[in-house]
Amino acid sequence: MVGGPKLRVAKARDAFVELADASGYPVAVMPSAKGFVPENHPHFIGTYWGAVSTLFCSEIVESADAYIFAGPIFNDYSSVGYSLLLKKEKAIIVHPDSVVVANGPTFGCVRMSEFFRELAKRVKPNKTAYENYHRIFVPEGKPLKCKPREPLRINAMFQHIQKMLSNETAVIAETGDSWFNCQKLKLPKGCGYVSRKRKLNLLPFNIVEAVNISSSSKVNI
């Protein structure tokens, strides 16, 4: 199961999680939907973004017998230049008000939230794909500590950013390398996330901002 950015407008995030709980399927998100699905969910496997996916995520998604995409937007950004190794005949694409099955029949006037909740009542649990992920998964190591006066490394900086996150913060990923580095952050429950998409030639730099929601203060890093 892969969550897309239209989960929000369809108000189907809770229903999506209900189906994930009932089915036992692994759960991923598209890059622009990060934060829409709880990352503390036991079957969450990261961001599906083609060649730059979270480690082992694309292998599980693309090797599945079938995949459910909830509210996806496929463009050059989300598909890494239309290089995703997906087969349309294996996909169930759920839009906010319609469902497309195997690149064939389209069923209209079907609300996404209702579709997921009804499917959750009938689906048979199948944990095979998640077990395959768990079998090949290798935890990421922690970066080495910086020595005194050593230039700050990206991996060390993001380790500090990770510790700043809470249910009272939100991450705003600016255009540039932050798109990719912020996808590696593990969002605690309730932490917001926004990815700004602009043409790269408009911003020759990138910024990560940790925003305190309660006090509206902002830290630029």
N, C-alpha and C. Protein backbone atom coordinates (compact mmCIF):
# COMPACT_ATOMS: atom_id res chain seq x y z
N MET A 1 0.84 -1.18 0.00
CA MET A 1 0.00 0.00 0.00
C MET A 1 0.88 1.24 0.00
N VAL A 2 0.57 2.16 -0.91
CA VAL A 2 1.36 3.39 -1.02
C VAL A 2 0.41 4.58 -0.94
N GLY A 3 0.64 5.45 0.06
CA GLY A 3 -0.19 6.62 0.23
C GLY A 3 0.30 7.78 -0.61
N GLY A 4 -0.62 8.50 -1.24
CA GLY A 4 -0.28 9.64 -2.07
C GLY A 4 -0.81 10.93 -1.48
N PRO A 5 -0.47 12.06 -2.11
CA PRO A 5 -0.85 13.37 -1.56
C PRO A 5 -2.34 13.64 -1.52
N LYS A 6 -3.15 12.94 -2.33
CA LYS A 6 -4.59 13.18 -2.32
C LYS A 6 -5.30 12.51 -1.15
N LEU A 7 -4.55 11.81 -0.30
CA LEU A 7 -5.14 11.25 0.92
C LEU A 7 -5.73 12.37 1.78
N ARG A 8 -5.05 13.51 1.77
CA ARG A 8 -5.50 14.63 2.61
C ARG A 8 -6.82 15.20 2.12
N VAL A 9 -6.90 15.53 0.83
CA VAL A 9 -8.12 16.15 0.31
C VAL A 9 -9.30 15.18 0.38
N ALA A 10 -9.01 13.88 0.31
CA ALA A 10 -10.07 12.88 0.40
C ALA A 10 -10.47 12.58 1.84
N LYS A 11 -9.71 13.13 2.80
CA LYS A 11 -9.96 12.89 4.23
C LYS A 11 -10.03 11.38 4.50
N ALA A 12 -9.04 10.68 3.95
CA ALA A 12 -9.06 9.22 4.02
C ALA A 12 -7.85 8.65 4.75
N ARG A 13 -7.12 9.48 5.47
CA ARG A 13 -5.92 8.97 6.13
C ARG A 13 -6.24 7.91 7.19
N ASP A 14 -7.27 8.15 7.99
CA ASP A 14 -7.63 7.16 9.02
C ASP A 14 -8.12 5.86 8.39
N ALA A 15 -8.90 5.98 7.30
CA ALA A 15 -9.40 4.77 6.62
C ALA A 15 -8.25 3.99 5.99
N PHE A 16 -7.26 4.70 5.48
CA PHE A 16 -6.08 4.05 4.90
C PHE A 16 -5.36 3.22 5.96
N VAL A 17 -5.21 3.78 7.14
CA VAL A 17 -4.54 3.07 8.23
C VAL A 17 -5.39 1.88 8.69
N GLU A 18 -6.71 2.03 8.68
CA GLU A 18 -7.59 0.91 9.04
C GLU A 18 -7.37 -0.27 8.11
N LEU A 19 -7.24 0.00 6.81
CA LEU A 19 -6.99 -1.07 5.86
C LEU A 19 -5.62 -1.68 6.09
N ALA A 20 -4.64 -0.86 6.39
CA ALA A 20 -3.30 -1.38 6.68
C ALA A 20 -3.32 -2.30 7.89
N ASP A 21 -4.05 -1.92 8.92
CA ASP A 21 -4.15 -2.75 10.12
C ASP A 21 -4.83 -4.08 9.82
N ALA A 22 -5.89 -4.03 9.02
CA ALA A 22 -6.67 -5.23 8.75
C ALA A 22 -5.96 -6.18 7.80
N SER A 23 -5.17 -5.64 6.86
CA SER A 23 -4.58 -6.47 5.81
C SER A 23 -3.21 -7.03 6.17
N GLY A 24 -2.45 -6.30 6.97
CA GLY A 24 -1.08 -6.73 7.26
C GLY A 24 -0.10 -6.37 6.16
N TYR A 25 -0.55 -5.60 5.16
CA TYR A 25 0.33 -5.22 4.06
C TYR A 25 1.36 -4.20 4.53
N PRO A 26 2.54 -4.18 3.92
CA PRO A 26 3.49 -3.09 4.21
C PRO A 26 2.94 -1.77 3.69
N VAL A 27 3.29 -0.69 4.37
CA VAL A 27 2.76 0.64 4.05
C VAL A 27 3.90 1.58 3.74
N ALA A 28 3.78 2.28 2.61
CA ALA A 28 4.76 3.30 2.23
C ALA A 28 4.02 4.56 1.82
N VAL A 29 4.76 5.63 1.61
CA VAL A 29 4.16 6.88 1.14
C VAL A 29 4.97 7.42 -0.03
N MET A 30 4.30 8.18 -0.89
CA MET A 30 5.01 8.92 -1.92
C MET A 30 5.68 10.12 -1.26
N PRO A 31 6.72 10.70 -1.89
CA PRO A 31 7.47 11.78 -1.22
C PRO A 31 6.62 12.96 -0.80
N SER A 32 5.63 13.33 -1.60
CA SER A 32 4.78 14.48 -1.26
C SER A 32 3.69 14.12 -0.26
N ALA A 33 3.64 12.87 0.17
CA ALA A 33 2.65 12.45 1.18
C ALA A 33 3.32 12.10 2.50
N LYS A 34 4.58 12.41 2.65
CA LYS A 34 5.27 12.13 3.91
C LYS A 34 4.56 12.86 5.03
N GLY A 35 4.31 12.16 6.12
CA GLY A 35 3.60 12.73 7.25
C GLY A 35 2.12 12.43 7.25
N PHE A 36 1.58 11.92 6.13
CA PHE A 36 0.16 11.61 6.07
C PHE A 36 -0.17 10.28 6.74
N VAL A 37 0.82 9.39 6.82
CA VAL A 37 0.65 8.08 7.43
C VAL A 37 1.56 8.00 8.65
N PRO A 38 1.08 7.54 9.78
CA PRO A 38 1.93 7.47 10.97
C PRO A 38 3.18 6.62 10.72
N GLU A 39 4.34 7.21 10.95
CA GLU A 39 5.58 6.49 10.69
C GLU A 39 5.94 5.54 11.82
N ASN A 40 5.14 5.55 12.88
CA ASN A 40 5.33 4.56 13.94
C ASN A 40 4.43 3.34 13.74
N HIS A 41 3.74 3.31 12.59
CA HIS A 41 2.92 2.13 12.28
C HIS A 41 3.84 0.91 12.14
N PRO A 42 3.45 -0.23 12.71
CA PRO A 42 4.35 -1.40 12.70
C PRO A 42 4.74 -1.90 11.31
N HIS A 43 3.94 -1.57 10.28
CA HIS A 43 4.26 -2.04 8.93
C HIS A 43 4.72 -0.92 8.00
N PHE A 44 5.09 0.22 8.57
CA PHE A 44 5.57 1.33 7.75
C PHE A 44 6.99 1.03 7.27
N ILE A 45 7.23 1.16 5.93
CA ILE A 45 8.54 0.82 5.39
C ILE A 45 9.24 2.00 4.73
N GLY A 46 8.63 3.20 4.77
CA GLY A 46 9.34 4.37 4.29
C GLY A 46 8.71 5.04 3.08
N THR A 47 9.54 5.76 2.34
CA THR A 47 9.11 6.54 1.18
C THR A 47 9.38 5.77 -0.11
N TYR A 48 8.33 5.62 -0.92
CA TYR A 48 8.53 5.02 -2.25
C TYR A 48 8.78 6.13 -3.24
N TRP A 49 9.99 6.17 -3.78
CA TRP A 49 10.41 7.23 -4.69
C TRP A 49 11.38 6.67 -5.73
N GLY A 50 11.02 5.54 -6.30
CA GLY A 50 11.85 4.94 -7.34
C GLY A 50 13.27 4.66 -6.85
N ALA A 51 14.24 5.11 -7.62
CA ALA A 51 15.64 4.83 -7.32
C ALA A 51 16.14 5.50 -6.04
N VAL A 52 15.43 6.52 -5.56
CA VAL A 52 15.87 7.21 -4.34
C VAL A 52 14.92 6.92 -3.18
N SER A 53 14.26 5.78 -3.21
CA SER A 53 13.37 5.37 -2.13
C SER A 53 14.15 5.10 -0.85
N THR A 54 13.40 5.02 0.25
CA THR A 54 13.98 4.50 1.48
C THR A 54 14.55 3.12 1.20
N LEU A 55 15.65 2.78 1.87
CA LEU A 55 16.28 1.49 1.63
C LEU A 55 15.28 0.33 1.72
N PHE A 56 15.30 -0.51 0.72
CA PHE A 56 14.50 -1.74 0.62
C PHE A 56 13.01 -1.48 0.37
N CYS A 57 12.59 -0.22 0.30
CA CYS A 57 11.17 0.07 0.06
C CYS A 57 10.77 -0.23 -1.38
N SER A 58 11.55 0.28 -2.34
CA SER A 58 11.17 0.08 -3.75
C SER A 58 11.21 -1.40 -4.12
N GLU A 59 12.14 -2.15 -3.54
CA GLU A 59 12.21 -3.58 -3.85
C GLU A 59 10.92 -4.29 -3.46
N ILE A 60 10.37 -3.91 -2.30
CA ILE A 60 9.15 -4.56 -1.82
C ILE A 60 7.95 -4.12 -2.63
N VAL A 61 7.85 -2.84 -2.92
CA VAL A 61 6.70 -2.33 -3.68
C VAL A 61 6.69 -2.92 -5.09
N GLU A 62 7.80 -2.81 -5.79
CA GLU A 62 7.83 -3.18 -7.21
C GLU A 62 7.81 -4.69 -7.44
N SER A 63 8.15 -5.48 -6.41
CA SER A 63 8.13 -6.93 -6.57
C SER A 63 6.81 -7.55 -6.10
N ALA A 64 5.89 -6.73 -5.61
CA ALA A 64 4.62 -7.24 -5.10
C ALA A 64 3.74 -7.78 -6.23
N ASP A 65 2.87 -8.69 -5.89
CA ASP A 65 1.92 -9.23 -6.87
C ASP A 65 0.91 -8.17 -7.30
N ALA A 66 0.65 -7.23 -6.39
CA ALA A 66 -0.27 -6.12 -6.69
C ALA A 66 0.03 -4.99 -5.72
N TYR A 67 -0.35 -3.77 -6.10
CA TYR A 67 -0.13 -2.64 -5.21
C TYR A 67 -1.34 -1.71 -5.26
N ILE A 68 -1.64 -1.14 -4.09
CA ILE A 68 -2.71 -0.16 -3.96
C ILE A 68 -2.08 1.21 -3.78
N PHE A 69 -2.39 2.13 -4.70
CA PHE A 69 -1.94 3.51 -4.58
C PHE A 69 -3.14 4.37 -4.18
N ALA A 70 -3.01 5.06 -3.07
CA ALA A 70 -4.11 5.88 -2.56
C ALA A 70 -3.86 7.34 -2.86
N GLY A 71 -4.61 7.90 -3.80
CA GLY A 71 -4.49 9.31 -4.13
C GLY A 71 -3.13 9.72 -4.66
N PRO A 72 -2.56 8.97 -5.61
CA PRO A 72 -1.23 9.32 -6.10
C PRO A 72 -1.26 10.45 -7.12
N ILE A 73 -0.13 11.11 -7.27
CA ILE A 73 0.11 12.04 -8.37
C ILE A 73 1.42 11.61 -9.01
N PHE A 74 1.35 11.12 -10.23
CA PHE A 74 2.55 10.68 -10.94
C PHE A 74 3.00 11.79 -11.88
N ASN A 75 4.13 12.39 -11.56
CA ASN A 75 4.73 13.40 -12.44
C ASN A 75 6.24 13.17 -12.48
N ASP A 76 6.97 14.05 -13.14
CA ASP A 76 8.40 13.84 -13.27
C ASP A 76 9.11 13.89 -11.92
N TYR A 77 8.55 14.64 -10.97
CA TYR A 77 9.15 14.74 -9.64
C TYR A 77 8.94 13.46 -8.84
N SER A 78 7.68 13.02 -8.74
CA SER A 78 7.37 11.86 -7.91
C SER A 78 7.82 10.54 -8.53
N SER A 79 8.01 10.52 -9.86
CA SER A 79 8.40 9.29 -10.54
C SER A 79 9.88 9.26 -10.90
N VAL A 80 10.63 10.24 -10.43
CA VAL A 80 12.07 10.34 -10.73
C VAL A 80 12.28 10.27 -12.25
N GLY A 81 11.64 11.19 -12.94
CA GLY A 81 11.78 11.21 -14.40
C GLY A 81 11.06 10.05 -15.07
N TYR A 82 9.91 9.66 -14.53
CA TYR A 82 9.10 8.55 -15.08
C TYR A 82 9.91 7.27 -15.21
N SER A 83 10.65 6.97 -14.15
CA SER A 83 11.50 5.77 -14.17
C SER A 83 11.02 4.68 -13.21
N LEU A 84 9.81 4.82 -12.66
CA LEU A 84 9.30 3.82 -11.73
C LEU A 84 9.08 2.49 -12.44
N LEU A 85 9.46 1.41 -11.77
CA LEU A 85 9.32 0.07 -12.36
C LEU A 85 8.00 -0.55 -11.90
N LEU A 86 6.92 0.10 -12.27
CA LEU A 86 5.59 -0.38 -11.91
C LEU A 86 4.87 -0.90 -13.14
N LYS A 87 4.01 -1.88 -12.93
CA LYS A 87 3.19 -2.41 -14.02
C LYS A 87 1.74 -2.03 -13.76
N LYS A 88 1.15 -1.33 -14.72
CA LYS A 88 -0.21 -0.83 -14.53
C LYS A 88 -1.22 -1.94 -14.31
N GLU A 89 -0.96 -3.10 -14.92
CA GLU A 89 -1.92 -4.19 -14.78
C GLU A 89 -1.91 -4.79 -13.36
N LYS A 90 -0.94 -4.43 -12.54
CA LYS A 90 -0.87 -4.93 -11.17
C LYS A 90 -1.35 -3.89 -10.16
N ALA A 91 -1.78 -2.73 -10.64
CA ALA A 91 -2.07 -1.61 -9.74
C ALA A 91 -3.57 -1.39 -9.54
N ILE A 92 -3.93 -1.03 -8.33
CA ILE A 92 -5.25 -0.51 -8.01
C ILE A 92 -5.05 0.93 -7.60
N ILE A 93 -5.53 1.85 -8.42
CA ILE A 93 -5.35 3.28 -8.17
C ILE A 93 -6.64 3.84 -7.59
N VAL A 94 -6.56 4.31 -6.36
CA VAL A 94 -7.75 4.84 -5.67
C VAL A 94 -7.66 6.36 -5.64
N HIS A 95 -8.56 7.00 -6.37
CA HIS A 95 -8.66 8.46 -6.38
C HIS A 95 -9.69 8.89 -5.34
N PRO A 96 -9.77 10.19 -5.04
CA PRO A 96 -10.74 10.63 -4.03
C PRO A 96 -12.18 10.22 -4.31
N ASP A 97 -12.56 10.07 -5.62
CA ASP A 97 -13.94 9.72 -5.92
C ASP A 97 -14.07 8.64 -7.00
N SER A 98 -13.03 7.85 -7.22
CA SER A 98 -13.10 6.77 -8.20
C SER A 98 -11.98 5.76 -7.95
N VAL A 99 -12.14 4.58 -8.53
CA VAL A 99 -11.14 3.50 -8.39
C VAL A 99 -10.87 2.91 -9.76
N VAL A 100 -9.57 2.79 -10.10
CA VAL A 100 -9.15 2.18 -11.37
C VAL A 100 -8.45 0.86 -11.04
N VAL A 101 -8.92 -0.22 -11.65
CA VAL A 101 -8.38 -1.55 -11.38
C VAL A 101 -7.59 -2.05 -12.57
N ALA A 102 -6.31 -2.36 -12.34
CA ALA A 102 -5.46 -2.99 -13.35
C ALA A 102 -5.46 -2.25 -14.68
N ASN A 103 -5.42 -0.93 -14.63
CA ASN A 103 -5.38 -0.11 -15.84
C ASN A 103 -6.57 -0.39 -16.76
N GLY A 104 -7.65 -0.88 -16.18
CA GLY A 104 -8.81 -1.24 -16.99
C GLY A 104 -10.06 -0.54 -16.52
N PRO A 105 -11.00 -1.28 -15.93
CA PRO A 105 -12.28 -0.67 -15.56
C PRO A 105 -12.12 0.41 -14.49
N THR A 106 -12.89 1.47 -14.64
CA THR A 106 -12.90 2.56 -13.68
C THR A 106 -14.27 2.64 -13.04
N PHE A 107 -14.30 2.66 -11.73
CA PHE A 107 -15.56 2.72 -10.99
C PHE A 107 -15.68 4.11 -10.37
N GLY A 108 -16.68 4.86 -10.83
CA GLY A 108 -16.88 6.22 -10.36
C GLY A 108 -17.80 6.31 -9.16
N CYS A 109 -17.88 7.51 -8.60
CA CYS A 109 -18.74 7.77 -7.45
C CYS A 109 -18.43 6.85 -6.28
N VAL A 110 -17.14 6.59 -6.09
CA VAL A 110 -16.67 5.76 -4.98
C VAL A 110 -15.74 6.62 -4.13
N ARG A 111 -16.14 6.93 -2.92
CA ARG A 111 -15.31 7.74 -2.05
C ARG A 111 -14.14 6.91 -1.51
N MET A 112 -12.99 7.52 -1.50
CA MET A 112 -11.80 6.81 -1.07
C MET A 112 -11.94 6.26 0.35
N SER A 113 -12.40 7.07 1.27
CA SER A 113 -12.50 6.62 2.66
C SER A 113 -13.47 5.45 2.80
N GLU A 114 -14.60 5.51 2.08
CA GLU A 114 -15.57 4.42 2.15
C GLU A 114 -15.01 3.15 1.52
N PHE A 115 -14.28 3.31 0.42
CA PHE A 115 -13.69 2.15 -0.25
C PHE A 115 -12.73 1.42 0.68
N PHE A 116 -11.87 2.16 1.37
CA PHE A 116 -10.89 1.54 2.26
C PHE A 116 -11.56 0.87 3.45
N ARG A 117 -12.57 1.52 4.00
CA ARG A 117 -13.23 0.94 5.18
C ARG A 117 -13.99 -0.33 4.82
N GLU A 118 -14.65 -0.34 3.67
CA GLU A 118 -15.37 -1.55 3.26
C GLU A 118 -14.40 -2.67 2.89
N LEU A 119 -13.30 -2.30 2.24
CA LEU A 119 -12.30 -3.30 1.89
C LEU A 119 -11.66 -3.89 3.14
N ALA A 120 -11.46 -3.08 4.17
CA ALA A 120 -10.87 -3.56 5.42
C ALA A 120 -11.74 -4.63 6.08
N LYS A 121 -13.05 -4.57 5.85
CA LYS A 121 -13.96 -5.55 6.44
C LYS A 121 -13.88 -6.91 5.73
N ARG A 122 -13.40 -6.89 4.46
CA ARG A 122 -13.44 -8.11 3.67
C ARG A 122 -12.07 -8.70 3.35
N VAL A 123 -11.03 -7.93 3.52
CA VAL A 123 -9.70 -8.38 3.13
C VAL A 123 -9.20 -9.50 4.06
N LYS A 124 -8.46 -10.43 3.48
CA LYS A 124 -7.83 -11.48 4.26
C LYS A 124 -6.40 -11.07 4.58
N PRO A 125 -6.02 -11.09 5.85
CA PRO A 125 -4.66 -10.66 6.22
C PRO A 125 -3.59 -11.45 5.48
N ASN A 126 -2.59 -10.75 5.02
CA ASN A 126 -1.48 -11.39 4.29
C ASN A 126 -0.21 -10.60 4.60
N LYS A 127 0.65 -11.15 5.42
CA LYS A 127 1.86 -10.46 5.86
C LYS A 127 3.10 -10.88 5.08
N THR A 128 2.91 -11.57 3.96
CA THR A 128 4.05 -12.09 3.20
C THR A 128 5.00 -10.98 2.76
N ALA A 129 4.45 -9.91 2.19
CA ALA A 129 5.31 -8.83 1.69
C ALA A 129 6.08 -8.17 2.83
N TYR A 130 5.41 -7.96 3.97
CA TYR A 130 6.12 -7.35 5.09
C TYR A 130 7.17 -8.28 5.66
N GLU A 131 6.89 -9.57 5.68
CA GLU A 131 7.88 -10.53 6.15
C GLU A 131 9.10 -10.55 5.23
N ASN A 132 8.86 -10.38 3.92
CA ASN A 132 9.99 -10.29 2.99
C ASN A 132 10.83 -9.04 3.27
N TYR A 133 10.14 -7.94 3.57
CA TYR A 133 10.86 -6.70 3.91
C TYR A 133 11.67 -6.90 5.18
N HIS A 134 11.06 -7.48 6.19
CA HIS A 134 11.74 -7.69 7.47
C HIS A 134 12.94 -8.61 7.31
N ARG A 135 12.84 -9.53 6.35
CA ARG A 135 13.93 -10.48 6.13
C ARG A 135 15.16 -9.81 5.52
N ILE A 136 14.96 -8.81 4.65
CA ILE A 136 16.10 -8.18 3.97
C ILE A 136 16.52 -6.86 4.62
N PHE A 137 15.72 -6.37 5.57
CA PHE A 137 15.99 -5.04 6.15
C PHE A 137 17.27 -5.05 6.98
N VAL A 138 18.08 -4.03 6.78
CA VAL A 138 19.30 -3.82 7.58
C VAL A 138 19.20 -2.43 8.20
N PRO A 139 19.19 -2.31 9.53
CA PRO A 139 19.06 -0.99 10.16
C PRO A 139 20.21 -0.06 9.75
N GLU A 140 19.89 1.22 9.66
CA GLU A 140 20.92 2.19 9.33
C GLU A 140 21.83 2.43 10.52
N GLY A 141 23.12 2.62 10.25
CA GLY A 141 24.06 2.91 11.31
C GLY A 141 24.03 4.38 11.69
N LYS A 142 24.56 4.70 12.85
CA LYS A 142 24.62 6.08 13.30
C LYS A 142 25.92 6.71 12.81
N PRO A 143 25.86 7.97 12.37
CA PRO A 143 27.07 8.63 11.89
C PRO A 143 28.08 8.84 13.02
N LEU A 144 29.35 8.85 12.67
CA LEU A 144 30.39 9.10 13.65
C LEU A 144 30.30 10.53 14.16
N LYS A 145 30.68 10.72 15.42
CA LYS A 145 30.66 12.06 15.99
C LYS A 145 31.75 12.92 15.34
N CYS A 146 31.41 14.19 15.16
CA CYS A 146 32.39 15.12 14.58
C CYS A 146 33.49 15.41 15.58
N LYS A 147 34.69 15.51 15.09
CA LYS A 147 35.82 15.89 15.93
C LYS A 147 35.82 17.41 16.11
N PRO A 148 36.46 17.91 17.15
CA PRO A 148 36.52 19.37 17.36
C PRO A 148 37.08 20.09 16.13
N ARG A 149 36.40 21.16 15.73
CA ARG A 149 36.79 22.00 14.60
C ARG A 149 36.66 21.30 13.24
N GLU A 150 36.09 20.13 13.23
CA GLU A 150 35.86 19.43 11.97
C GLU A 150 34.64 20.04 11.28
N PRO A 151 34.65 20.23 9.95
CA PRO A 151 33.47 20.76 9.25
C PRO A 151 32.23 19.90 9.53
N LEU A 152 31.10 20.55 9.70
CA LEU A 152 29.87 19.85 10.00
C LEU A 152 29.41 19.03 8.80
N ARG A 153 29.12 17.75 9.01
CA ARG A 153 28.66 16.87 7.95
C ARG A 153 27.14 16.85 7.92
N ILE A 154 26.60 16.58 6.73
CA ILE A 154 25.15 16.53 6.57
C ILE A 154 24.53 15.46 7.47
N ASN A 155 25.13 14.27 7.50
CA ASN A 155 24.53 13.19 8.30
C ASN A 155 24.55 13.51 9.79
N ALA A 156 25.58 14.22 10.25
CA ALA A 156 25.62 14.61 11.66
C ALA A 156 24.59 15.69 11.94
N MET A 157 24.42 16.64 11.02
CA MET A 157 23.45 17.71 11.21
C MET A 157 22.03 17.15 11.30
N PHE A 158 21.70 16.19 10.40
CA PHE A 158 20.35 15.64 10.42
C PHE A 158 20.11 14.75 11.64
N GLN A 159 21.17 14.24 12.23
CA GLN A 159 21.01 13.51 13.48
C GLN A 159 20.52 14.46 14.58
N HIS A 160 21.04 15.68 14.59
CA HIS A 160 20.58 16.69 15.56
C HIS A 160 19.15 17.13 15.25
N ILE A 161 18.84 17.30 13.95
CA ILE A 161 17.47 17.68 13.58
C ILE A 161 16.49 16.62 14.02
N GLN A 162 16.86 15.35 13.86
CA GLN A 162 15.98 14.26 14.27
C GLN A 162 15.62 14.38 15.75
N LYS A 163 16.57 14.75 16.57
CA LYS A 163 16.34 14.86 18.01
C LYS A 163 15.45 16.05 18.36
N MET A 164 15.34 17.03 17.45
CA MET A 164 14.51 18.22 17.69
C MET A 164 13.04 17.94 17.45
N LEU A 165 12.71 16.90 16.70
CA LEU A 165 11.33 16.68 16.25
C LEU A 165 10.46 16.15 17.38
N SER A 166 9.23 16.63 17.40
CA SER A 166 8.25 16.18 18.39
C SER A 166 6.86 16.38 17.80
N ASN A 167 5.83 16.11 18.61
CA ASN A 167 4.47 16.32 18.14
C ASN A 167 4.09 17.79 18.10
N GLU A 168 5.00 18.68 18.49
CA GLU A 168 4.75 20.11 18.44
C GLU A 168 5.59 20.80 17.38
N THR A 169 6.20 20.03 16.50
CA THR A 169 7.04 20.60 15.45
C THR A 169 6.57 20.14 14.08
N ALA A 170 7.02 20.85 13.06
CA ALA A 170 6.77 20.47 11.67
C ALA A 170 8.04 20.72 10.89
N VAL A 171 8.28 19.90 9.89
CA VAL A 171 9.45 20.04 9.03
C VAL A 171 9.02 20.64 7.70
N ILE A 172 9.72 21.68 7.25
CA ILE A 172 9.49 22.26 5.94
C ILE A 172 10.75 22.01 5.11
N ALA A 173 10.65 21.15 4.11
CA ALA A 173 11.80 20.80 3.28
C ALA A 173 11.82 21.70 2.05
N GLU A 174 12.85 22.51 1.94
CA GLU A 174 12.97 23.41 0.80
C GLU A 174 13.49 22.67 -0.43
N THR A 175 13.43 23.34 -1.57
CA THR A 175 13.91 22.77 -2.82
C THR A 175 15.41 22.49 -2.74
N GLY A 176 15.81 21.34 -3.25
CA GLY A 176 17.23 21.00 -3.28
C GLY A 176 17.50 19.68 -2.59
N ASP A 177 18.69 19.55 -2.02
CA ASP A 177 19.07 18.31 -1.35
C ASP A 177 18.14 17.97 -0.19
N SER A 178 17.51 18.99 0.39
CA SER A 178 16.62 18.75 1.53
C SER A 178 15.45 17.85 1.16
N TRP A 179 15.03 17.87 -0.09
CA TRP A 179 13.99 16.95 -0.53
C TRP A 179 14.34 15.52 -0.14
N PHE A 180 15.58 15.15 -0.41
CA PHE A 180 16.01 13.77 -0.23
C PHE A 180 16.41 13.50 1.22
N ASN A 181 17.14 14.42 1.83
CA ASN A 181 17.60 14.20 3.19
C ASN A 181 16.46 14.17 4.19
N CYS A 182 15.44 15.01 3.97
CA CYS A 182 14.32 15.04 4.92
C CYS A 182 13.47 13.79 4.84
N GLN A 183 13.48 13.10 3.70
CA GLN A 183 12.73 11.85 3.60
C GLN A 183 13.28 10.79 4.55
N LYS A 184 14.53 10.96 4.98
CA LYS A 184 15.15 9.99 5.88
C LYS A 184 14.78 10.23 7.34
N LEU A 185 14.20 11.38 7.65
CA LEU A 185 13.80 11.67 9.02
C LEU A 185 12.67 10.75 9.45
N LYS A 186 12.69 10.33 10.70
CA LYS A 186 11.63 9.51 11.27
C LYS A 186 10.69 10.44 12.04
N LEU A 187 9.53 10.70 11.47
CA LEU A 187 8.61 11.66 12.07
C LEU A 187 7.89 11.03 13.26
N PRO A 188 7.98 11.63 14.44
CA PRO A 188 7.18 11.13 15.57
C PRO A 188 5.71 11.41 15.33
N LYS A 189 4.85 10.72 16.05
CA LYS A 189 3.41 10.89 15.88
C LYS A 189 3.03 12.33 16.14
N GLY A 190 2.28 12.92 15.20
CA GLY A 190 1.83 14.29 15.35
C GLY A 190 2.75 15.34 14.76
N CYS A 191 3.91 14.93 14.27
CA CYS A 191 4.86 15.88 13.67
C CYS A 191 4.43 16.17 12.23
N GLY A 192 4.35 17.44 11.87
CA GLY A 192 3.93 17.82 10.52
C GLY A 192 5.08 17.79 9.54
N TYR A 193 4.73 17.78 8.26
CA TYR A 193 5.76 17.74 7.22
C TYR A 193 5.23 18.42 5.96
N VAL A 194 6.02 19.31 5.38
CA VAL A 194 5.67 19.99 4.14
C VAL A 194 6.90 19.97 3.24
N SER A 195 6.71 19.58 2.00
CA SER A 195 7.79 19.60 1.01
C SER A 195 7.49 20.66 -0.02
N ARG A 196 8.35 21.66 -0.13
CA ARG A 196 8.15 22.73 -1.10
C ARG A 196 8.76 22.33 -2.43
N LYS A 197 7.98 22.45 -3.49
CA LYS A 197 8.44 22.05 -4.81
C LYS A 197 8.53 23.27 -5.69
N ARG A 198 9.74 23.63 -6.05
CA ARG A 198 9.98 24.76 -6.93
C ARG A 198 11.03 24.37 -7.95
N LYS A 199 11.11 25.14 -9.01
CA LYS A 199 12.13 24.87 -10.00
C LYS A 199 13.51 25.08 -9.40
N LEU A 200 14.40 24.14 -9.66
CA LEU A 200 15.71 24.17 -9.03
C LEU A 200 16.48 25.43 -9.37
N ASN A 201 16.29 26.01 -10.56
CA ASN A 201 17.09 27.17 -10.93
C ASN A 201 16.61 28.44 -10.22
N LEU A 202 15.51 28.36 -9.48
CA LEU A 202 15.04 29.53 -8.75
C LEU A 202 15.69 29.65 -7.39
N LEU A 203 16.13 28.52 -6.83
CA LEU A 203 16.74 28.54 -5.51
C LEU A 203 18.06 27.76 -5.54
N PRO A 204 19.19 28.45 -5.53
CA PRO A 204 20.47 27.77 -5.57
C PRO A 204 20.90 27.26 -4.20
N PHE A 205 20.02 27.27 -3.23
CA PHE A 205 20.35 26.81 -1.89
C PHE A 205 19.17 26.03 -1.36
N ASN A 206 19.37 25.38 -0.22
CA ASN A 206 18.25 24.68 0.40
C ASN A 206 18.28 24.89 1.90
N ILE A 207 17.11 24.85 2.49
CA ILE A 207 16.95 25.14 3.91
C ILE A 207 16.05 24.08 4.52
N VAL A 208 16.35 23.68 5.72
CA VAL A 208 15.44 22.85 6.49
C VAL A 208 15.01 23.68 7.69
N GLU A 209 13.72 23.77 7.91
CA GLU A 209 13.22 24.57 9.02
C GLU A 209 12.47 23.67 9.98
N ALA A 210 12.83 23.76 11.24
CA ALA A 210 12.06 23.08 12.28
C ALA A 210 11.15 24.13 12.90
N VAL A 211 9.86 23.99 12.73
CA VAL A 211 8.91 25.01 13.15
C VAL A 211 8.17 24.53 14.38
N ASN A 212 8.23 25.32 15.44
CA ASN A 212 7.49 25.01 16.65
C ASN A 212 6.06 25.49 16.46
N ILE A 213 5.12 24.57 16.38
CA ILE A 213 3.74 24.91 16.05
C ILE A 213 3.08 25.72 17.15
N SER A 214 3.37 25.39 18.41
CA SER A 214 2.68 26.05 19.51
C SER A 214 3.09 27.51 19.67
N SER A 215 4.37 27.81 19.43
CA SER A 215 4.84 29.17 19.64
C SER A 215 5.13 29.91 18.33
N SER A 216 5.02 29.18 17.21
CA SER A 216 5.26 29.74 15.88
C SER A 216 6.70 30.24 15.70
N SER A 217 7.61 29.80 16.58
CA SER A 217 9.01 30.16 16.38
C SER A 217 9.61 29.26 15.33
N LYS A 218 10.69 29.70 14.74
CA LYS A 218 11.27 28.98 13.61
C LYS A 218 12.77 28.93 13.74
N VAL A 219 13.34 27.78 13.47
CA VAL A 219 14.79 27.63 13.50
C VAL A 219 15.26 27.26 12.11
N ASN A 220 16.10 28.07 11.50
CA ASN A 220 16.65 27.80 10.17
C ASN A 220 17.98 27.08 10.32
N ILE A 221 18.13 26.01 9.58
CA ILE A 221 19.36 25.22 9.68
C ILE A 221 19.98 25.08 8.30
